[in-house]
Amino acid sequence: MIHVIIGTKAQLIKMAPILKILKMQGIDYNYISTGQHKSTIDDILANFAIKKPDYLLYNGKDITSIIKMLIWVIKNLIKTIRYKKAIFKNDKHGIVLIHGDTFSTLLGAVMGKIGGLKIAHVESGLRSFNLFHPFPEEITRLLIFRLSDYMFCPDKYSENNVANYRAIKINTQLNTLYDSLRFALPAIENIHDVNIPDKKYGIVTLHRFENIYNFESITRIVSIVEDISKKHFLIFILHKPTKIKLNKFKFIDRLKNNPNIELRKRYDYFKFIKLILQADFVVSDGGSNQEECYFLGKPILLLRKTTERHEGLSKNCVLSKYDPIIINEFTDNINKYKCNLKQSSISPSKLIVETCKPFI
């Protein structure tokens, strides 16, 4: 049987095309949710018409801190040891699909090993080659690589990064997010309640631990956003951990009182893509946003020191390294980074499904 373990909103968005293809082909699968972002996934399930989880490991509040995350992982591992037959439906010969580089990914890999099943890692081979940027994702990846039996790498570069690991490597040539956008773009034509500004705007969306974990890091981010707002009107989409930190360090009111910054709650995926399509540019620290903007040809400024992804670099994407000169060059020359929508007949999700069929 095919088991799919998903924990975060970003993971579900990228795995949604695989689940849709399994459904379209009449293939039964076991969807296990770790519950890491439980309160924010219902809209994505509705967007992509995906069934609700067959098994929910955790039914509490969203996990928003490292300490809570570690406690959550330990509790879920104990639960897996006790209830592995129920979680994996007595399957002894199946495969477990996991995605990305989060604690849910690592948890899913360990769970699969406890269940005696094969592990298939989607979006494998991404590396920054710096253990602390991003932290803890880079360390998590290295552990997941060792546990994987199959590695679905989005390009040749990522495939080469894991050449020395024992797993079977498959180059899917594109990220599954391309398939997610393929499903989303036709649907958003009928969406009209996004509240698009009647003027040019940029989108800001930030959530990485490295950008919000202490007063220094979040002060730097707020200063950068405020500087950009002197030139461009900004819609700042607030992730829950980011909002918590902005409140803790007393920055929320300062941002609210800036006439060129509008704070908004997170959107469902289809509405968010519509907002990106209408925007002039994006400022983000998210890997998925980097990929989305590459496929959509949208200028994006990455507020990171380094990135494990190559999508869009030297084209529509600028890695800021927090350098004011680089940031100003981008914000003064937005049109320079506009590209065309990427067109391809390749479906990485279909390739992944075909590879997993022997385990049905």
Protein backbone atom coordinates (compact mmCIF):
# COMPACT_ATOMS: atom_id res chain seq x y z
CA MET A 1 0.00 0.00 0.00
CA ILE A 2 1.05 3.61 -0.53
CA HIS A 3 1.16 5.61 2.71
CA VAL A 4 1.53 9.39 2.62
CA ILE A 5 2.69 11.25 5.75
CA ILE A 6 2.13 15.01 5.69
CA GLY A 7 2.40 17.60 8.46
CA THR A 8 2.62 21.15 7.15
CA LYS A 9 0.60 23.31 4.81
CA ALA A 10 3.50 23.63 2.34
CA GLN A 11 3.94 19.84 2.25
CA LEU A 12 0.26 19.28 1.52
CA ILE A 13 0.33 21.82 -1.33
CA LYS A 14 3.27 20.04 -2.94
CA MET A 15 1.92 16.53 -2.34
CA ALA A 16 -1.64 17.40 -3.41
CA PRO A 17 -1.04 16.59 -7.12
CA ILE A 18 0.24 13.12 -6.17
CA LEU A 19 -2.87 12.49 -4.05
CA LYS A 20 -5.12 13.76 -6.85
CA ILE A 21 -3.46 11.47 -9.40
CA LEU A 22 -3.78 8.49 -7.05
CA LYS A 23 -7.49 9.29 -6.70
CA MET A 24 -7.96 9.78 -10.46
CA GLN A 25 -6.34 6.40 -11.13
CA GLY A 26 -8.47 4.68 -8.50
CA ILE A 27 -5.50 3.82 -6.29
CA ASP A 28 -6.28 3.61 -2.58
CA TYR A 29 -3.77 5.27 -0.29
CA ASN A 30 -3.37 5.83 3.44
CA TYR A 31 -3.14 9.54 4.27
CA ILE A 32 -1.53 10.08 7.69
CA SER A 33 -1.43 13.61 9.10
CA THR A 34 1.08 14.46 11.80
CA GLY A 35 -1.11 17.42 12.77
CA GLN A 36 1.78 19.91 12.77
CA HIS A 37 -0.36 22.49 10.91
CA LYS A 38 -3.76 20.94 11.52
CA SER A 39 -5.76 24.17 11.64
CA THR A 40 -4.55 25.42 8.25
CA ILE A 41 -4.92 22.39 5.98
CA ASP A 42 -8.70 22.18 5.54
CA ASP A 43 -8.70 24.91 2.89
CA ILE A 44 -6.05 23.05 0.86
CA LEU A 45 -7.99 19.80 1.06
CA ALA A 46 -10.97 21.73 -0.30
CA ASN A 47 -8.89 23.49 -2.99
CA PHE A 48 -7.59 20.22 -4.41
CA ALA A 49 -10.63 18.05 -3.55
CA ILE A 50 -8.55 15.66 -1.43
CA LYS A 51 -9.95 13.36 1.24
CA LYS A 52 -9.40 14.10 4.91
CA PRO A 53 -6.62 12.17 6.71
CA ASP A 54 -7.22 8.49 7.39
CA TYR A 55 -5.19 8.81 10.57
CA LEU A 56 -4.46 11.93 12.64
CA LEU A 57 -1.45 11.58 14.93
CA TYR A 58 -1.90 14.85 16.80
CA ASN A 59 -5.09 16.80 17.41
CA GLY A 60 -3.86 19.82 19.37
CA LYS A 61 -2.87 23.38 18.49
CA ASP A 62 -0.44 24.14 15.65
CA ILE A 63 3.21 23.65 16.63
CA THR A 64 4.97 27.04 16.59
CA SER A 65 8.19 26.61 18.61
CA ILE A 66 11.23 24.32 18.59
CA ILE A 67 10.68 23.07 22.17
CA LYS A 68 7.04 22.18 21.50
CA MET A 69 8.19 20.50 18.29
CA LEU A 70 10.66 18.22 20.07
CA ILE A 71 8.07 17.17 22.66
CA TRP A 72 5.57 16.56 19.85
CA VAL A 73 8.04 14.36 17.92
CA ILE A 74 8.80 12.20 20.97
CA LYS A 75 5.10 11.72 21.80
CA ASN A 76 4.31 10.74 18.21
CA LEU A 77 7.17 8.24 18.03
CA ILE A 78 5.90 6.57 21.20
CA LYS A 79 2.42 6.51 19.69
CA THR A 80 3.77 4.95 16.48
CA ILE A 81 5.53 2.17 18.39
CA ARG A 82 2.31 1.39 20.28
CA TYR A 83 -0.13 1.67 17.37
CA LYS A 84 1.91 0.97 14.22
CA LYS A 85 -0.50 -1.73 13.03
CA ALA A 86 -3.45 0.66 13.17
CA ILE A 87 -1.50 3.57 11.66
CA PHE A 88 -0.18 1.54 8.72
CA LYS A 89 -3.26 -0.72 8.39
CA ASN A 90 -1.27 -3.92 9.07
CA ASP A 91 0.77 -3.31 5.91
CA LYS A 92 4.20 -4.95 5.88
CA HIS A 93 5.26 -4.45 2.26
CA GLY A 94 4.22 -0.90 1.38
CA ILE A 95 5.97 2.41 0.81
CA VAL A 96 5.80 5.65 2.80
CA LEU A 97 5.91 8.94 0.90
CA ILE A 98 7.37 11.85 2.86
CA HIS A 99 8.16 15.36 1.68
CA GLY A 100 10.72 18.08 2.26
CA ASP A 101 12.80 18.95 5.29
CA THR A 102 10.54 19.57 8.29
CA PHE A 103 10.26 17.72 11.60
CA SER A 104 7.16 16.05 10.13
CA THR A 105 9.34 14.70 7.32
CA LEU A 106 11.86 13.22 9.73
CA LEU A 107 9.08 11.90 11.94
CA GLY A 108 7.45 10.26 8.91
CA ALA A 109 10.72 8.59 7.90
CA VAL A 110 11.28 7.17 11.40
CA MET A 111 7.63 6.07 11.59
CA GLY A 112 7.98 4.21 8.30
CA LYS A 113 11.10 2.45 9.53
CA ILE A 114 9.31 1.46 12.75
CA GLY A 115 6.57 0.01 10.55
CA GLY A 116 9.11 -1.93 8.47
CA LEU A 117 8.18 -0.10 5.25
CA LYS A 118 10.17 1.50 2.43
CA ILE A 119 10.73 5.28 2.60
CA ALA A 120 10.37 7.51 -0.47
CA HIS A 121 11.54 11.10 -0.04
CA VAL A 122 9.91 13.68 -2.34
CA GLU A 123 11.92 16.87 -3.05
CA SER A 124 15.11 15.09 -2.06
CA GLY A 125 18.69 16.23 -2.52
CA LEU A 126 18.27 19.90 -1.63
CA ARG A 127 21.34 21.21 0.22
CA SER A 128 22.61 24.57 1.42
CA PHE A 129 25.84 22.96 2.69
CA ASN A 130 25.60 25.10 5.82
CA LEU A 131 24.32 23.32 8.93
CA PHE A 132 22.95 26.52 10.47
CA HIS A 133 21.40 28.16 7.39
CA PRO A 134 18.68 27.13 7.29
CA PHE A 135 18.41 25.70 10.79
CA PRO A 136 17.21 23.11 11.62
CA GLU A 137 16.20 22.13 8.07
CA GLU A 138 19.71 21.36 6.79
CA ILE A 139 20.37 18.93 9.66
CA THR A 140 16.94 17.36 9.19
CA ARG A 141 17.68 16.73 5.50
CA LEU A 142 20.90 14.86 6.24
CA LEU A 143 19.08 12.54 8.65
CA ILE A 144 16.24 11.94 6.16
CA PHE A 145 18.70 11.09 3.35
CA ARG A 146 20.11 8.27 5.48
CA LEU A 147 16.66 6.83 6.16
CA SER A 148 15.39 6.98 2.57
CA ASP A 149 15.09 4.03 0.17
CA TYR A 150 13.91 6.15 -2.77
CA MET A 151 14.87 9.76 -3.47
CA PHE A 152 12.72 11.83 -5.83
CA CYS A 153 15.02 14.71 -6.78
CA PRO A 154 13.57 17.76 -8.59
CA ASP A 155 16.62 18.28 -10.84
CA LYS A 156 20.07 16.97 -11.76
CA TYR A 157 21.80 19.25 -9.26
CA SER A 158 19.86 17.84 -6.31
CA GLU A 159 20.34 14.31 -7.65
CA ASN A 160 24.12 14.84 -7.67
CA ASN A 161 23.97 16.08 -4.07
CA VAL A 162 22.84 12.64 -2.88
CA ALA A 163 24.95 10.52 -5.23
CA ASN A 164 26.78 8.88 -2.32
CA TYR A 165 23.65 7.74 -0.47
CA ARG A 166 22.43 4.16 -0.86
CA ALA A 167 18.87 5.01 -1.93
CA ILE A 168 17.51 4.69 -5.47
CA LYS A 169 17.53 8.17 -7.05
CA ILE A 170 14.89 9.38 -9.51
CA ASN A 171 15.21 12.78 -11.20
CA THR A 172 11.65 14.11 -11.62
CA GLN A 173 13.03 17.10 -13.63
CA LEU A 174 10.65 19.52 -11.94
CA ASN A 175 9.29 20.12 -8.46
CA THR A 176 5.80 18.72 -7.79
CA LEU A 177 4.80 22.33 -7.09
CA TYR A 178 4.65 22.77 -10.86
CA ASP A 179 1.77 20.28 -10.89
CA SER A 180 0.14 22.12 -7.98
CA LEU A 181 0.15 25.32 -10.05
CA ARG A 182 -1.12 23.38 -13.06
CA PHE A 183 -4.22 22.50 -11.01
CA ALA A 184 -4.50 25.95 -9.41
CA LEU A 185 -4.21 28.34 -12.36
CA PRO A 186 -7.46 27.38 -14.16
CA ALA A 187 -9.38 27.44 -10.86
CA ILE A 188 -8.34 30.92 -9.77
CA GLU A 189 -10.08 32.53 -12.75
CA ASN A 190 -13.34 32.04 -10.82
CA ILE A 191 -12.04 33.47 -7.54
CA HIS A 192 -13.06 37.08 -6.91
CA ASP A 193 -12.82 37.64 -3.13
CA VAL A 194 -9.07 38.21 -2.76
CA ASN A 195 -9.23 41.99 -2.24
CA ILE A 196 -6.66 42.96 -4.87
CA PRO A 197 -5.40 46.54 -4.27
CA ASP A 198 -6.24 49.11 -6.94
CA LYS A 199 -2.55 50.08 -7.14
CA LYS A 200 0.77 48.36 -7.71
CA TYR A 201 1.95 46.26 -4.77
CA GLY A 202 4.47 43.75 -3.52
CA ILE A 203 3.84 40.77 -1.24
CA VAL A 204 5.88 40.06 1.90
CA THR A 205 5.72 36.59 3.48
CA LEU A 206 8.30 35.52 6.08
CA HIS A 207 8.39 32.65 8.55
CA ARG A 208 11.82 30.99 8.79
CA PHE A 209 13.32 30.38 12.22
CA GLU A 210 16.50 32.19 11.18
CA ASN A 211 14.49 35.39 10.52
CA ILE A 212 12.21 35.51 13.55
CA TYR A 213 13.87 33.59 16.40
CA ASN A 214 15.16 36.57 18.41
CA PHE A 215 14.90 40.35 18.75
CA GLU A 216 17.94 40.99 16.54
CA SER A 217 16.74 38.86 13.64
CA ILE A 218 13.19 40.18 13.59
CA THR A 219 14.39 43.78 14.01
CA ARG A 220 16.50 43.34 10.89
CA ILE A 221 13.52 41.96 8.96
CA VAL A 222 11.19 44.75 10.06
CA SER A 223 13.77 47.37 9.08
CA ILE A 224 14.16 45.85 5.62
CA VAL A 225 10.39 45.71 5.09
CA GLU A 226 10.01 49.32 6.23
CA ASP A 227 12.76 50.45 3.85
CA ILE A 228 11.08 48.69 0.92
CA SER A 229 7.75 50.27 1.87
CA LYS A 230 9.27 53.71 1.23
CA LYS A 231 9.29 52.78 -2.47
CA HIS A 232 6.46 50.24 -2.84
CA PHE A 233 3.08 49.49 -1.27
CA LEU A 234 3.33 46.13 0.53
CA ILE A 235 0.88 43.44 1.59
CA PHE A 236 2.48 41.59 4.52
CA ILE A 237 0.99 38.08 4.87
CA LEU A 238 1.40 36.98 8.49
CA HIS A 239 2.36 33.40 9.29
CA LYS A 240 1.32 32.46 12.82
CA PRO A 241 4.89 32.18 14.25
CA THR A 242 5.81 35.50 12.63
CA LYS A 243 2.77 37.23 14.11
CA ILE A 244 3.58 35.83 17.55
CA LYS A 245 7.14 37.19 17.38
CA LEU A 246 6.04 40.57 16.00
CA ASN A 247 3.64 40.88 18.93
CA LYS A 248 6.22 39.70 21.45
CA PHE A 249 8.78 42.29 20.35
CA LYS A 250 6.20 45.10 19.95
CA PHE A 251 6.48 45.54 16.17
CA ILE A 252 2.87 44.86 15.16
CA ASP A 253 1.53 48.35 15.90
CA ARG A 254 4.50 49.94 14.18
CA LEU A 255 3.76 47.99 11.00
CA LYS A 256 0.01 48.61 11.28
CA ASN A 257 0.61 52.35 11.48
CA ASN A 258 2.73 52.38 8.33
CA PRO A 259 0.42 53.66 5.55
CA ASN A 260 2.39 51.76 2.91
CA ILE A 261 2.11 48.36 4.64
CA GLU A 262 -1.09 46.33 4.93
CA LEU A 263 -1.07 43.33 7.28
CA ARG A 264 -3.21 40.38 6.20
CA LYS A 265 -3.98 36.86 7.41
CA ARG A 266 -2.81 33.86 5.39
CA TYR A 267 -4.92 32.93 2.38
CA ASP A 268 -5.93 29.55 1.08
CA TYR A 269 -3.56 28.39 -1.65
CA PHE A 270 -5.60 29.31 -4.72
CA LYS A 271 -6.32 32.83 -3.41
CA PHE A 272 -2.67 33.32 -2.52
CA ILE A 273 -1.58 32.38 -6.04
CA LYS A 274 -4.08 34.88 -7.46
CA LEU A 275 -2.60 37.55 -5.17
CA ILE A 276 0.92 36.69 -6.42
CA LEU A 277 -0.16 36.80 -10.07
CA GLN A 278 -1.47 40.35 -9.65
CA ALA A 279 1.54 41.53 -7.61
CA ASP A 280 4.60 43.32 -9.00
CA PHE A 281 7.01 41.31 -6.87
CA VAL A 282 7.39 39.09 -3.79
CA VAL A 283 9.69 39.36 -0.76
CA SER A 284 10.03 36.02 1.01
CA ASP A 285 12.24 33.54 2.85
CA GLY A 286 10.23 30.54 1.66
CA GLY A 287 11.53 27.84 -0.65
CA SER A 288 8.05 27.18 -2.03
CA ASN A 289 7.62 30.88 -2.81
CA GLN A 290 10.94 30.84 -4.66
CA GLU A 291 9.71 27.93 -6.77
CA GLU A 292 6.25 29.41 -7.34
CA CYS A 293 7.70 32.71 -8.52
CA TYR A 294 10.11 30.89 -10.83
CA PHE A 295 7.28 28.99 -12.50
CA LEU A 296 5.11 32.14 -12.66
CA GLY A 297 7.94 34.42 -13.83
CA LYS A 298 7.39 36.77 -10.87
CA PRO A 299 10.30 38.82 -9.42
CA ILE A 300 11.21 37.64 -5.92
CA LEU A 301 13.67 38.91 -3.33
CA LEU A 302 14.86 36.19 -0.94
CA LEU A 303 15.58 37.39 2.59
CA ARG A 304 18.11 34.65 3.29
CA LYS A 305 21.88 34.23 3.49
CA THR A 306 21.82 31.16 1.27
CA THR A 307 19.35 28.95 -0.56
CA GLU A 308 19.30 25.24 -1.32
CA ARG A 309 17.24 25.88 -4.46
CA HIS A 310 18.48 27.03 -7.86
CA GLU A 311 15.10 27.91 -9.36
CA GLY A 312 15.12 31.45 -10.71
CA LEU A 313 18.57 32.52 -9.52
CA SER A 314 20.10 35.05 -11.95
CA LYS A 315 16.68 35.26 -13.63
CA ASN A 316 13.64 36.35 -11.62
CA CYS A 317 15.10 35.61 -8.18
CA VAL A 318 17.62 37.65 -6.17
CA LEU A 319 19.28 36.23 -3.04
CA SER A 320 19.64 39.26 -0.77
CA LYS A 321 22.12 37.93 1.81
CA TYR A 322 20.58 40.81 3.82
CA ASP A 323 22.84 43.20 1.90
CA PRO A 324 21.26 46.69 1.57
CA ILE A 325 22.98 47.24 -1.80
CA ILE A 326 21.49 44.03 -3.25
CA ILE A 327 18.07 44.80 -1.75
CA ASN A 328 18.02 48.34 -3.15
CA GLU A 329 19.14 47.18 -6.58
CA PHE A 330 16.20 44.77 -6.67
CA THR A 331 13.58 47.21 -5.40
CA ASP A 332 14.79 49.92 -7.82
CA ASN A 333 14.68 47.61 -10.85
CA ILE A 334 11.68 45.29 -10.40
CA ASN A 335 10.86 45.08 -14.12
CA LYS A 336 14.36 43.79 -14.85
CA TYR A 337 13.45 40.53 -13.10
CA LYS A 338 10.11 39.81 -14.76
CA CYS A 339 10.05 36.56 -16.76
CA ASN A 340 7.53 34.55 -18.74
CA LEU A 341 5.33 31.82 -17.28
CA LYS A 342 7.20 28.49 -17.45
CA GLN A 343 5.65 25.94 -19.82
CA SER A 344 6.38 22.20 -19.62
CA SER A 345 4.61 18.92 -20.40
CA ILE A 346 6.55 17.12 -17.65
CA SER A 347 4.56 15.92 -14.63
CA PRO A 348 6.81 14.98 -11.69
CA SER A 349 3.78 13.78 -9.72
CA LYS A 350 2.83 11.22 -12.38
CA LEU A 351 6.38 9.86 -12.38
CA ILE A 352 6.28 9.47 -8.59
CA VAL A 353 2.95 7.62 -8.74
CA GLU A 354 4.26 5.27 -11.45
CA THR A 355 7.35 4.49 -9.36
CA CYS A 356 5.21 3.66 -6.32
CA LYS A 357 2.71 1.39 -8.13
CA PRO A 358 4.64 -1.86 -7.43
CA PHE A 359 3.91 -1.28 -3.72
CA ILE A 360 0.12 -1.17 -4.13
